[in-house]
Amino acid sequence: MHLRIKYNHWYPKLLGIRGIAYYPFIFLYCSRQQALKERILHHEWIHVQQIRRDGAIYFYLRWLFEFFVHFIRYRNLSKAYRIISYEQEAYRLMYKIKLPRSFLHHF
């Protein structure tokens, strides 16, 4: 499936986040240059890889389940988000990966 990236999009701004992956879309609050500089695109690319690895339904259901369990436990949105296993993996790897050349030139 062809991946589509939307820069300077209103949706992440509305949610108060930097970016979000709804496969096959990546919505970013900023320009391409800023997304690359801040490694936001790298983070969302890792989510795309996770979705491809685990399947979209499993990824989103597990993400939501972990978020709600952590939110109920800690009553803190930021903490609940940060300890989701998919997010921890993405934050851990976002400074270690290189985006595929075809990915960079296509968008």
PDB file of N, CA and C in Angstrom:
ATOM      1  N   MET A   1       0.837  -1.174   0.000  1.00  0.00           N
ATOM      2  CA  MET A   1       0.000   0.000   0.000  1.00  0.00           C
ATOM      3  C   MET A   1       0.887   1.244   0.000  1.00  0.00           C
ATOM      4  N   HIS A   2       0.510   2.214  -0.762  1.00  0.00           N
ATOM      5  CA  HIS A   2       1.286   3.442  -0.932  1.00  0.00           C
ATOM      6  C   HIS A   2       1.122   4.353   0.287  1.00  0.00           C
ATOM      7  N   LEU A   3       2.217   4.710   0.908  1.00  0.00           N
ATOM      8  CA  LEU A   3       2.216   5.575   2.083  1.00  0.00           C
ATOM      9  C   LEU A   3       2.061   7.029   1.654  1.00  0.00           C
ATOM     10  N   ARG A   4       1.240   7.771   2.378  1.00  0.00           N
ATOM     11  CA  ARG A   4       1.015   9.186   2.078  1.00  0.00           C
ATOM     12  C   ARG A   4       1.322  10.013   3.325  1.00  0.00           C
ATOM     13  N   ILE A   5       2.116  11.055   3.132  1.00  0.00           N
ATOM     14  CA  ILE A   5       2.475  11.931   4.245  1.00  0.00           C
ATOM     15  C   ILE A   5       1.856  13.299   4.007  1.00  0.00           C
ATOM     16  N   LYS A   6       1.182  13.788   5.028  1.00  0.00           N
ATOM     17  CA  LYS A   6       0.541  15.105   4.961  1.00  0.00           C
ATOM     18  C   LYS A   6       1.246  16.030   5.948  1.00  0.00           C
ATOM     19  N   TYR A   7       1.928  17.043   5.421  1.00  0.00           N
ATOM     20  CA  TYR A   7       2.662  18.010   6.249  1.00  0.00           C
ATOM     21  C   TYR A   7       1.771  19.201   6.576  1.00  0.00           C
ATOM     22  N   ASN A   8       2.087  19.901   7.643  1.00  0.00           N
ATOM     23  CA  ASN A   8       1.336  21.088   8.069  1.00  0.00           C
ATOM     24  C   ASN A   8      -0.156  20.797   8.148  1.00  0.00           C
ATOM     25  N   HIS A   9      -0.492  19.659   8.685  1.00  0.00           N
ATOM     26  CA  HIS A   9      -1.877  19.213   8.729  1.00  0.00           C
ATOM     27  C   HIS A   9      -2.547  19.682  10.021  1.00  0.00           C
ATOM     28  N   TRP A  10      -3.827  19.940   9.928  1.00  0.00           N
ATOM     29  CA  TRP A  10      -4.584  20.440  11.077  1.00  0.00           C
ATOM     30  C   TRP A  10      -4.853  19.376  12.144  1.00  0.00           C
ATOM     31  N   TYR A  11      -4.904  18.113  11.764  1.00  0.00           N
ATOM     32  CA  TYR A  11      -5.309  17.068  12.703  1.00  0.00           C
ATOM     33  C   TYR A  11      -4.352  16.918  13.902  1.00  0.00           C
ATOM     34  N   PRO A  12      -3.037  16.779  13.680  1.00  0.00           N
ATOM     35  CA  PRO A  12      -2.147  16.712  14.853  1.00  0.00           C
ATOM     36  C   PRO A  12      -2.194  17.984  15.692  1.00  0.00           C
ATOM     37  N   LYS A  13      -2.353  19.124  15.028  1.00  0.00           N
ATOM     38  CA  LYS A  13      -2.450  20.393  15.767  1.00  0.00           C
ATOM     39  C   LYS A  13      -3.670  20.370  16.684  1.00  0.00           C
ATOM     40  N   LEU A  14      -4.784  19.874  16.178  1.00  0.00           N
ATOM     41  CA  LEU A  14      -6.013  19.784  16.955  1.00  0.00           C
ATOM     42  C   LEU A  14      -5.826  18.912  18.197  1.00  0.00           C
ATOM     43  N   LEU A  15      -5.080  17.810  18.038  1.00  0.00           N
ATOM     44  CA  LEU A  15      -4.839  16.884  19.145  1.00  0.00           C
ATOM     45  C   LEU A  15      -3.710  17.341  20.068  1.00  0.00           C
ATOM     46  N   GLY A  16      -2.964  18.351  19.635  1.00  0.00           N
ATOM     47  CA  GLY A  16      -1.844  18.843  20.434  1.00  0.00           C
ATOM     48  C   GLY A  16      -0.640  17.914  20.397  1.00  0.00           C
ATOM     49  N   ILE A  17      -0.447  17.234  19.268  1.00  0.00           N
ATOM     50  CA  ILE A  17       0.675  16.308  19.105  1.00  0.00           C
ATOM     51  C   ILE A  17       1.484  16.687  17.884  1.00  0.00           C
ATOM     52  N   ARG A  18       2.651  16.082  17.749  1.00  0.00           N
ATOM     53  CA  ARG A  18       3.557  16.411  16.639  1.00  0.00           C
ATOM     54  C   ARG A  18       3.230  15.637  15.368  1.00  0.00           C
ATOM     55  N   GLY A  19       2.756  14.428  15.513  1.00  0.00           N
ATOM     56  CA  GLY A  19       2.436  13.614  14.354  1.00  0.00           C
ATOM     57  C   GLY A  19       1.656  12.383  14.763  1.00  0.00           C
ATOM     58  N   ILE A  20       1.037  11.756  13.758  1.00  0.00           N
ATOM     59  CA  ILE A  20       0.267  10.548  14.031  1.00  0.00           C
ATOM     60  C   ILE A  20       0.226   9.697  12.763  1.00  0.00           C
ATOM     61  N   ALA A  21       0.332   8.406  12.944  1.00  0.00           N
ATOM     62  CA  ALA A  21       0.287   7.475  11.820  1.00  0.00           C
ATOM     63  C   ALA A  21      -1.052   6.758  11.828  1.00  0.00           C
ATOM     64  N   TYR A  22      -1.827   6.980  10.784  1.00  0.00           N
ATOM     65  CA  TYR A  22      -3.034   6.212  10.504  1.00  0.00           C
ATOM     66  C   TYR A  22      -2.767   5.550   9.166  1.00  0.00           C
ATOM     67  N   TYR A  23      -2.162   4.400   9.242  1.00  0.00           N
ATOM     68  CA  TYR A  23      -1.712   3.706   8.037  1.00  0.00           C
ATOM     69  C   TYR A  23      -2.831   3.592   7.016  1.00  0.00           C
ATOM     70  N   PRO A  24      -2.592   4.016   5.763  1.00  0.00           N
ATOM     71  CA  PRO A  24      -1.333   4.358   5.103  1.00  0.00           C
ATOM     72  C   PRO A  24      -1.006   5.856   5.103  1.00  0.00           C
ATOM     73  N   PHE A  25      -1.502   6.599   6.078  1.00  0.00           N
ATOM     74  CA  PHE A  25      -1.227   8.025   6.158  1.00  0.00           C
ATOM     75  C   PHE A  25      -0.357   8.350   7.362  1.00  0.00           C
ATOM     76  N   ILE A  26       0.474   9.370   7.194  1.00  0.00           N
ATOM     77  CA  ILE A  26       1.185   9.987   8.312  1.00  0.00           C
ATOM     78  C   ILE A  26       0.805  11.459   8.265  1.00  0.00           C
ATOM     79  N   PHE A  27       0.234  11.955   9.356  1.00  0.00           N
ATOM     80  CA  PHE A  27      -0.142  13.357   9.463  1.00  0.00           C
ATOM     81  C   PHE A  27       0.841  14.041  10.408  1.00  0.00           C
ATOM     82  N   LEU A  28       1.444  15.144   9.942  1.00  0.00           N
ATOM     83  CA  LEU A  28       2.431  15.883  10.728  1.00  0.00           C
ATOM     84  C   LEU A  28       1.990  17.329  10.872  1.00  0.00           C
ATOM     85  N   TYR A  29       2.287  17.916  12.015  1.00  0.00           N
ATOM     86  CA  TYR A  29       1.879  19.294  12.282  1.00  0.00           C
ATOM     87  C   TYR A  29       2.793  20.307  11.619  1.00  0.00           C
ATOM     88  N   CYS A  30       3.931  19.863  11.093  1.00  0.00           N
ATOM     89  CA  CYS A  30       4.966  20.787  10.634  1.00  0.00           C
ATOM     90  C   CYS A  30       5.392  20.491   9.191  1.00  0.00           C
ATOM     91  N   SER A  31       6.350  21.261   8.732  1.00  0.00           N
ATOM     92  CA  SER A  31       6.885  21.092   7.383  1.00  0.00           C
ATOM     93  C   SER A  31       7.768  19.849   7.296  1.00  0.00           C
ATOM     94  N   ARG A  32       8.086  19.450   6.084  1.00  0.00           N
ATOM     95  CA  ARG A  32       8.963  18.295   5.855  1.00  0.00           C
ATOM     96  C   ARG A  32      10.330  18.517   6.500  1.00  0.00           C
ATOM     97  N   GLN A  33      10.894  19.719   6.317  1.00  0.00           N
ATOM     98  CA  GLN A  33      12.211  20.024   6.852  1.00  0.00           C
ATOM     99  C   GLN A  33      12.226  19.938   8.382  1.00  0.00           C
ATOM    100  N   GLN A  34      11.208  20.486   9.013  1.00  0.00           N
ATOM    101  CA  GLN A  34      11.137  20.455  10.472  1.00  0.00           C
ATOM    102  C   GLN A  34      10.912  19.021  10.969  1.00  0.00           C
ATOM    103  N   ALA A  35      10.086  18.257  10.258  1.00  0.00           N
ATOM    104  CA  ALA A  35       9.819  16.864  10.645  1.00  0.00           C
ATOM    105  C   ALA A  35      11.090  16.021  10.578  1.00  0.00           C
ATOM    106  N   LEU A  36      11.932  16.291   9.593  1.00  0.00           N
ATOM    107  CA  LEU A  36      13.199  15.565   9.489  1.00  0.00           C
ATOM    108  C   LEU A  36      14.178  16.027  10.565  1.00  0.00           C
ATOM    109  N   LYS A  37      14.257  17.333  10.774  1.00  0.00           N
ATOM    110  CA  LYS A  37      15.182  17.882  11.760  1.00  0.00           C
ATOM    111  C   LYS A  37      14.857  17.389  13.167  1.00  0.00           C
ATOM    112  N   GLU A  38      13.574  17.358  13.511  1.00  0.00           N
ATOM    113  CA  GLU A  38      13.155  16.956  14.849  1.00  0.00           C
ATOM    114  C   GLU A  38      12.943  15.445  14.976  1.00  0.00           C
ATOM    115  N   ARG A  39      13.207  14.716  13.895  1.00  0.00           N
ATOM    116  CA  ARG A  39      13.083  13.250  13.869  1.00  0.00           C
ATOM    117  C   ARG A  39      11.653  12.761  14.054  1.00  0.00           C
ATOM    118  N   ILE A  40      10.679  13.652  13.858  1.00  0.00           N
ATOM    119  CA  ILE A  40       9.271  13.259  13.965  1.00  0.00           C
ATOM    120  C   ILE A  40       8.937  12.247  12.880  1.00  0.00           C
ATOM    121  N   LEU A  41       9.435  12.483  11.684  1.00  0.00           N
ATOM    122  CA  LEU A  41       9.183  11.565  10.578  1.00  0.00           C
ATOM    123  C   LEU A  41       9.789  10.196  10.868  1.00  0.00           C
ATOM    124  N   HIS A  42      10.935  10.176  11.504  1.00  0.00           N
ATOM    125  CA  HIS A  42      11.564   8.907  11.879  1.00  0.00           C
ATOM    126  C   HIS A  42      10.688   8.136  12.865  1.00  0.00           C
ATOM    127  N   HIS A  43      10.155   8.860  13.837  1.00  0.00           N
ATOM    128  CA  HIS A  43       9.297   8.248  14.846  1.00  0.00           C
ATOM    129  C   HIS A  43       8.052   7.638  14.189  1.00  0.00           C
ATOM    130  N   GLU A  44       7.415   8.394  13.314  1.00  0.00           N
ATOM    131  CA  GLU A  44       6.205   7.894  12.654  1.00  0.00           C
ATOM    132  C   GLU A  44       6.543   6.763  11.675  1.00  0.00           C
ATOM    133  N   TRP A  45       7.716   6.813  11.042  1.00  0.00           N
ATOM    134  CA  TRP A  45       8.143   5.733  10.159  1.00  0.00           C
ATOM    135  C   TRP A  45       8.272   4.422  10.944  1.00  0.00           C
ATOM    136  N   ILE A  46       8.766   4.510  12.165  1.00  0.00           N
ATOM    137  CA  ILE A  46       8.871   3.318  13.005  1.00  0.00           C
ATOM    138  C   ILE A  46       7.479   2.753  13.277  1.00  0.00           C
ATOM    139  N   HIS A  47       6.508   3.631  13.514  1.00  0.00           N
ATOM    140  CA  HIS A  47       5.135   3.144  13.697  1.00  0.00           C
ATOM    141  C   HIS A  47       4.619   2.443  12.435  1.00  0.00           C
ATOM    142  N   VAL A  48       4.949   2.966  11.284  1.00  0.00           N
ATOM    143  CA  VAL A  48       4.555   2.306  10.035  1.00  0.00           C
ATOM    144  C   VAL A  48       5.162   0.912   9.976  1.00  0.00           C
ATOM    145  N   GLN A  49       6.416   0.804  10.348  1.00  0.00           N
ATOM    146  CA  GLN A  49       7.079  -0.510  10.359  1.00  0.00           C
ATOM    147  C   GLN A  49       6.421  -1.447  11.375  1.00  0.00           C
ATOM    148  N   GLN A  50       6.051  -0.925  12.529  1.00  0.00           N
ATOM    149  CA  GLN A  50       5.365  -1.729  13.539  1.00  0.00           C
ATOM    150  C   GLN A  50       4.018  -2.230  13.014  1.00  0.00           C
ATOM    151  N   ILE A  51       3.299  -1.360  12.329  1.00  0.00           N
ATOM    152  CA  ILE A  51       2.001  -1.729  11.760  1.00  0.00           C
ATOM    153  C   ILE A  51       2.179  -2.808  10.707  1.00  0.00           C
ATOM    154  N   ARG A  52       3.171  -2.653   9.870  1.00  0.00           N
ATOM    155  CA  ARG A  52       3.440  -3.668   8.848  1.00  0.00           C
ATOM    156  C   ARG A  52       3.869  -4.990   9.475  1.00  0.00           C
ATOM    157  N   ARG A  53       4.614  -4.922  10.555  1.00  0.00           N
ATOM    158  CA  ARG A  53       5.093  -6.124  11.239  1.00  0.00           C
ATOM    159  C   ARG A  53       3.963  -6.858  11.972  1.00  0.00           C
ATOM    160  N   ASP A  54       3.147  -6.102  12.715  1.00  0.00           N
ATOM    161  CA  ASP A  54       2.146  -6.709  13.593  1.00  0.00           C
ATOM    162  C   ASP A  54       0.735  -6.728  13.023  1.00  0.00           C
ATOM    163  N   GLY A  55       0.513  -5.966  11.965  1.00  0.00           N
ATOM    164  CA  GLY A  55      -0.829  -5.838  11.401  1.00  0.00           C
ATOM    165  C   GLY A  55      -1.534  -4.630  11.997  1.00  0.00           C
ATOM    166  N   ALA A  56      -2.302  -3.945  11.182  1.00  0.00           N
ATOM    167  CA  ALA A  56      -2.936  -2.693  11.602  1.00  0.00           C
ATOM    168  C   ALA A  56      -3.929  -2.902  12.741  1.00  0.00           C
ATOM    169  N   ILE A  57      -4.762  -3.902  12.647  1.00  0.00           N
ATOM    170  CA  ILE A  57      -5.779  -4.109  13.674  1.00  0.00           C
ATOM    171  C   ILE A  57      -5.120  -4.391  15.026  1.00  0.00           C
ATOM    172  N   TYR A  58      -4.161  -5.312  15.026  1.00  0.00           N
ATOM    173  CA  TYR A  58      -3.471  -5.641  16.275  1.00  0.00           C
ATOM    174  C   TYR A  58      -2.751  -4.425  16.833  1.00  0.00           C
ATOM    175  N   PHE A  59      -2.042  -3.688  15.984  1.00  0.00           N
ATOM    176  CA  PHE A  59      -1.293  -2.513  16.427  1.00  0.00           C
ATOM    177  C   PHE A  59      -2.211  -1.510  17.121  1.00  0.00           C
ATOM    178  N   TYR A  60      -3.289  -1.120  16.444  1.00  0.00           N
ATOM    179  CA  TYR A  60      -4.158  -0.083  16.999  1.00  0.00           C
ATOM    180  C   TYR A  60      -4.908  -0.565  18.238  1.00  0.00           C
ATOM    181  N   LEU A  61      -5.362  -1.809  18.243  1.00  0.00           N
ATOM    182  CA  LEU A  61      -6.048  -2.332  19.424  1.00  0.00           C
ATOM    183  C   LEU A  61      -5.104  -2.411  20.620  1.00  0.00           C
ATOM    184  N   ARG A  62      -3.886  -2.888  20.397  1.00  0.00           N
ATOM    185  CA  ARG A  62      -2.917  -2.986  21.488  1.00  0.00           C
ATOM    186  C   ARG A  62      -2.519  -1.603  21.982  1.00  0.00           C
ATOM    187  N   TRP A  63      -2.303  -0.672  21.048  1.00  0.00           N
ATOM    188  CA  TRP A  63      -1.932   0.695  21.417  1.00  0.00           C
ATOM    189  C   TRP A  63      -3.012   1.288  22.318  1.00  0.00           C
ATOM    190  N   LEU A  64      -4.266   1.188  21.874  1.00  0.00           N
ATOM    191  CA  LEU A  64      -5.374   1.739  22.660  1.00  0.00           C
ATOM    192  C   LEU A  64      -5.534   1.038  24.006  1.00  0.00           C
ATOM    193  N   PHE A  65      -5.416  -0.272  24.016  1.00  0.00           N
ATOM    194  CA  PHE A  65      -5.535  -1.030  25.253  1.00  0.00           C
ATOM    195  C   PHE A  65      -4.468  -0.597  26.255  1.00  0.00           C
ATOM    196  N   GLU A  66      -3.225  -0.545  25.800  1.00  0.00           N
ATOM    197  CA  GLU A  66      -2.142  -0.134  26.699  1.00  0.00           C
ATOM    198  C   GLU A  66      -2.354   1.293  27.200  1.00  0.00           C
ATOM    199  N   PHE A  67      -2.783   2.172  26.309  1.00  0.00           N
ATOM    200  CA  PHE A  67      -3.014   3.561  26.711  1.00  0.00           C
ATOM    201  C   PHE A  67      -4.069   3.637  27.811  1.00  0.00           C
ATOM    202  N   PHE A  68      -5.203   2.978  27.602  1.00  0.00           N
ATOM    203  CA  PHE A  68      -6.279   3.050  28.588  1.00  0.00           C
ATOM    204  C   PHE A  68      -5.887   2.402  29.910  1.00  0.00           C
ATOM    205  N   VAL A  69      -5.205   1.269  29.864  1.00  0.00           N
ATOM    206  CA  VAL A  69      -4.756   0.618  31.098  1.00  0.00           C
ATOM    207  C   VAL A  69      -3.811   1.540  31.867  1.00  0.00           C
ATOM    208  N   HIS A  70      -2.849   2.148  31.163  1.00  0.00           N
ATOM    209  CA  HIS A  70      -1.898   3.035  31.834  1.00  0.00           C
ATOM    210  C   HIS A  70      -2.566   4.316  32.322  1.00  0.00           C
ATOM    211  N   PHE A  71      -3.537   4.805  31.552  1.00  0.00           N
ATOM    212  CA  PHE A  71      -4.231   6.020  31.990  1.00  0.00           C
ATOM    213  C   PHE A  71      -5.046   5.757  33.254  1.00  0.00           C
ATOM    214  N   ILE A  72      -5.736   4.640  33.294  1.00  0.00           N
ATOM    215  CA  ILE A  72      -6.503   4.281  34.492  1.00  0.00           C
ATOM    216  C   ILE A  72      -5.570   4.128  35.692  1.00  0.00           C
ATOM    217  N   ARG A  73      -4.413   3.534  35.447  1.00  0.00           N
ATOM    218  CA  ARG A  73      -3.463   3.302  36.538  1.00  0.00           C
ATOM    219  C   ARG A  73      -2.826   4.595  37.055  1.00  0.00           C
ATOM    220  N   TYR A  74      -2.406   5.482  36.126  1.00  0.00           N
ATOM    221  CA  TYR A  74      -1.645   6.671  36.523  1.00  0.00           C
ATOM    222  C   TYR A  74      -2.435   7.976  36.479  1.00  0.00           C
ATOM    223  N   ARG A  75      -3.583   7.989  35.821  1.00  0.00           N
ATOM    224  CA  ARG A  75      -4.402   9.202  35.689  1.00  0.00           C
ATOM    225  C   ARG A  75      -3.614  10.373  35.114  1.00  0.00           C
ATOM    226  N   ASN A  76      -2.748  10.049  34.139  1.00  0.00           N
ATOM    227  CA  ASN A  76      -1.898  11.058  33.524  1.00  0.00           C
ATOM    228  C   ASN A  76      -1.757  10.711  32.046  1.00  0.00           C
ATOM    229  N   LEU A  77      -2.273  11.591  31.166  1.00  0.00           N
ATOM    230  CA  LEU A  77      -2.253  11.327  29.715  1.00  0.00           C
ATOM    231  C   LEU A  77      -0.845  11.163  29.182  1.00  0.00           C
ATOM    232  N   SER A  78       0.048  12.064  29.574  1.00  0.00           N
ATOM    233  CA  SER A  78       1.410  12.031  29.068  1.00  0.00           C
ATOM    234  C   SER A  78       2.133  10.756  29.491  1.00  0.00           C
ATOM    235  N   LYS A  79       2.006  10.392  30.749  1.00  0.00           N
ATOM    236  CA  LYS A  79       2.664   9.181  31.239  1.00  0.00           C
ATOM    237  C   LYS A  79       2.066   7.940  30.585  1.00  0.00           C
ATOM    238  N   ALA A  80       0.741   7.919  30.452  1.00  0.00           N
ATOM    239  CA  ALA A  80       0.076   6.782  29.813  1.00  0.00           C
ATOM    240  C   ALA A  80       0.585   6.597  28.385  1.00  0.00           C
ATOM    241  N   TYR A  81       0.755   7.704  27.670  1.00  0.00           N
ATOM    242  CA  TYR A  81       1.270   7.663  26.301  1.00  0.00           C
ATOM    243  C   TYR A  81       2.718   7.173  26.270  1.00  0.00           C
ATOM    244  N   ARG A  82       3.552   7.726  27.130  1.00  0.00           N
ATOM    245  CA  ARG A  82       4.986   7.432  27.105  1.00  0.00           C
ATOM    246  C   ARG A  82       5.337   5.990  27.443  1.00  0.00           C
ATOM    247  N   ILE A  83       4.476   5.283  28.174  1.00  0.00           N
ATOM    248  CA  ILE A  83       4.831   3.914  28.551  1.00  0.00           C
ATOM    249  C   ILE A  83       4.140   2.859  27.696  1.00  0.00           C
ATOM    250  N   ILE A  84       3.484   3.282  26.628  1.00  0.00           N
ATOM    251  CA  ILE A  84       2.965   2.320  25.652  1.00  0.00           C
ATOM    252  C   ILE A  84       4.171   1.657  24.994  1.00  0.00           C
ATOM    253  N   SER A  85       4.150   0.345  24.880  1.00  0.00           N
ATOM    254  CA  SER A  85       5.324  -0.382  24.359  1.00  0.00           C
ATOM    255  C   SER A  85       5.711   0.070  22.953  1.00  0.00           C
ATOM    256  N   TYR A  86       4.740   0.331  22.100  1.00  0.00           N
ATOM    257  CA  TYR A  86       5.050   0.802  20.746  1.00  0.00           C
ATOM    258  C   TYR A  86       5.732   2.165  20.779  1.00  0.00           C
ATOM    259  N   GLU A  87       5.300   3.035  21.675  1.00  0.00           N
ATOM    260  CA  GLU A  87       5.911   4.356  21.777  1.00  0.00           C
ATOM    261  C   GLU A  87       7.325   4.257  22.334  1.00  0.00           C
ATOM    262  N   GLN A  88       7.534   3.422  23.311  1.00  0.00           N
ATOM    263  CA  GLN A  88       8.878   3.251  23.855  1.00  0.00           C
ATOM    264  C   GLN A  88       9.830   2.745  22.778  1.00  0.00           C
ATOM    265  N   GLU A  89       9.377   1.794  21.973  1.00  0.00           N
ATOM    266  CA  GLU A  89      10.210   1.289  20.880  1.00  0.00           C
ATOM    267  C   GLU A  89      10.506   2.394  19.875  1.00  0.00           C
ATOM    268  N   ALA A  90       9.502   3.174  19.512  1.00  0.00           N
ATOM    269  CA  ALA A  90       9.692   4.242  18.523  1.00  0.00           C
ATOM    270  C   ALA A  90      10.636   5.321  19.042  1.00  0.00           C
ATOM    271  N   TYR A  91      10.484   5.725  20.301  1.00  0.00           N
ATOM    272  CA  TYR A  91      11.387   6.736  20.864  1.00  0.00           C
ATOM    273  C   TYR A  91      12.811   6.199  20.996  1.00  0.00           C
ATOM    274  N   ARG A  92      12.941   4.928  21.329  1.00  0.00           N
ATOM    275  CA  ARG A  92      14.272   4.328  21.468  1.00  0.00           C
ATOM    276  C   ARG A  92      14.997   4.260  20.126  1.00  0.00           C
ATOM    277  N   LEU A  93      14.262   3.999  19.049  1.00  0.00           N
ATOM    278  CA  LEU A  93      14.884   3.787  17.740  1.00  0.00           C
ATOM    279  C   LEU A  93      14.935   5.021  16.848  1.00  0.00           C
ATOM    280  N   MET A  94      14.182   6.049  17.150  1.00  0.00           N
ATOM    281  CA  MET A  94      14.054   7.176  16.222  1.00  0.00           C
ATOM    282  C   MET A  94      15.373   7.911  15.958  1.00  0.00           C
ATOM    283  N   TYR A  95      16.321   7.822  16.878  1.00  0.00           N
ATOM    284  CA  TYR A  95      17.620   8.462  16.659  1.00  0.00           C
ATOM    285  C   TYR A  95      18.663   7.479  16.119  1.00  0.00           C
ATOM    286  N   LYS A  96      18.267   6.231  15.967  1.00  0.00           N
ATOM    287  CA  LYS A  96      19.195   5.205  15.510  1.00  0.00           C
ATOM    288  C   LYS A  96      18.958   4.772  14.074  1.00  0.00           C
ATOM    289  N   ILE A  97      17.792   5.082  13.534  1.00  0.00           N
ATOM    290  CA  ILE A  97      17.476   4.600  12.189  1.00  0.00           C
ATOM    291  C   ILE A  97      17.745   5.667  11.139  1.00  0.00           C
ATOM    292  N   LYS A  98      17.906   5.195   9.929  1.00  0.00           N
ATOM    293  CA  LYS A  98      17.933   6.064   8.766  1.00  0.00           C
ATOM    294  C   LYS A  98      16.682   5.757   7.967  1.00  0.00           C
ATOM    295  N   LEU A  99      16.053   6.799   7.484  1.00  0.00           N
ATOM    296  CA  LEU A  99      14.879   6.587   6.651  1.00  0.00           C
ATOM    297  C   LEU A  99      15.320   6.012   5.310  1.00  0.00           C
ATOM    298  N   PRO A 100      14.519   5.154   4.733  1.00  0.00           N
ATOM    299  CA  PRO A 100      14.878   4.603   3.418  1.00  0.00           C
ATOM    300  C   PRO A 100      15.032   5.709   2.378  1.00  0.00           C
ATOM    301  N   ARG A 101      15.986   5.556   1.513  1.00  0.00           N
ATOM    302  CA  ARG A 101      16.248   6.575   0.485  1.00  0.00           C
ATOM    303  C   ARG A 101      15.013   6.820  -0.374  1.00  0.00           C
ATOM    304  N   SER A 102      14.325   5.758  -0.747  1.00  0.00           N
ATOM    305  CA  SER A 102      13.117   5.900  -1.565  1.00  0.00           C
ATOM    306  C   SER A 102      12.044   6.678  -0.798  1.00  0.00           C
ATOM    307  N   PHE A 103      11.993   6.504   0.491  1.00  0.00           N
ATOM    308  CA  PHE A 103      11.033   7.209   1.338  1.00  0.00           C
ATOM    309  C   PHE A 103      11.345   8.700   1.351  1.00  0.00           C
ATOM    310  N   LEU A 104      12.610   9.054   1.458  1.00  0.00           N
ATOM    311  CA  LEU A 104      13.005  10.459   1.506  1.00  0.00           C
ATOM    312  C   LEU A 104      12.788  11.167   0.177  1.00  0.00           C
ATOM    313  N   HIS A 105      13.082  10.496  -0.917  1.00  0.00           N
ATOM    314  CA  HIS A 105      12.978  11.147  -2.216  1.00  0.00           C
ATOM    315  C   HIS A 105      11.555  11.191  -2.740  1.00  0.00           C
ATOM    316  N   HIS A 106      10.745  10.269  -2.287  1.00  0.00           N
ATOM    317  CA  HIS A 106       9.375  10.215  -2.792  1.00  0.00           C
ATOM    318  C   HIS A 106       8.516  11.326  -2.216  1.00  0.00           C
ATOM    319  N   PHE A 107       8.826  11.734  -1.015  1.00  0.00           N
ATOM    320  CA  PHE A 107       7.978  12.708  -0.352  1.00  0.00           C
ATOM    321  C   PHE A 107       8.724  14.013  -0.269  1.00  0.00           C
TER     322      PHE A 107
END
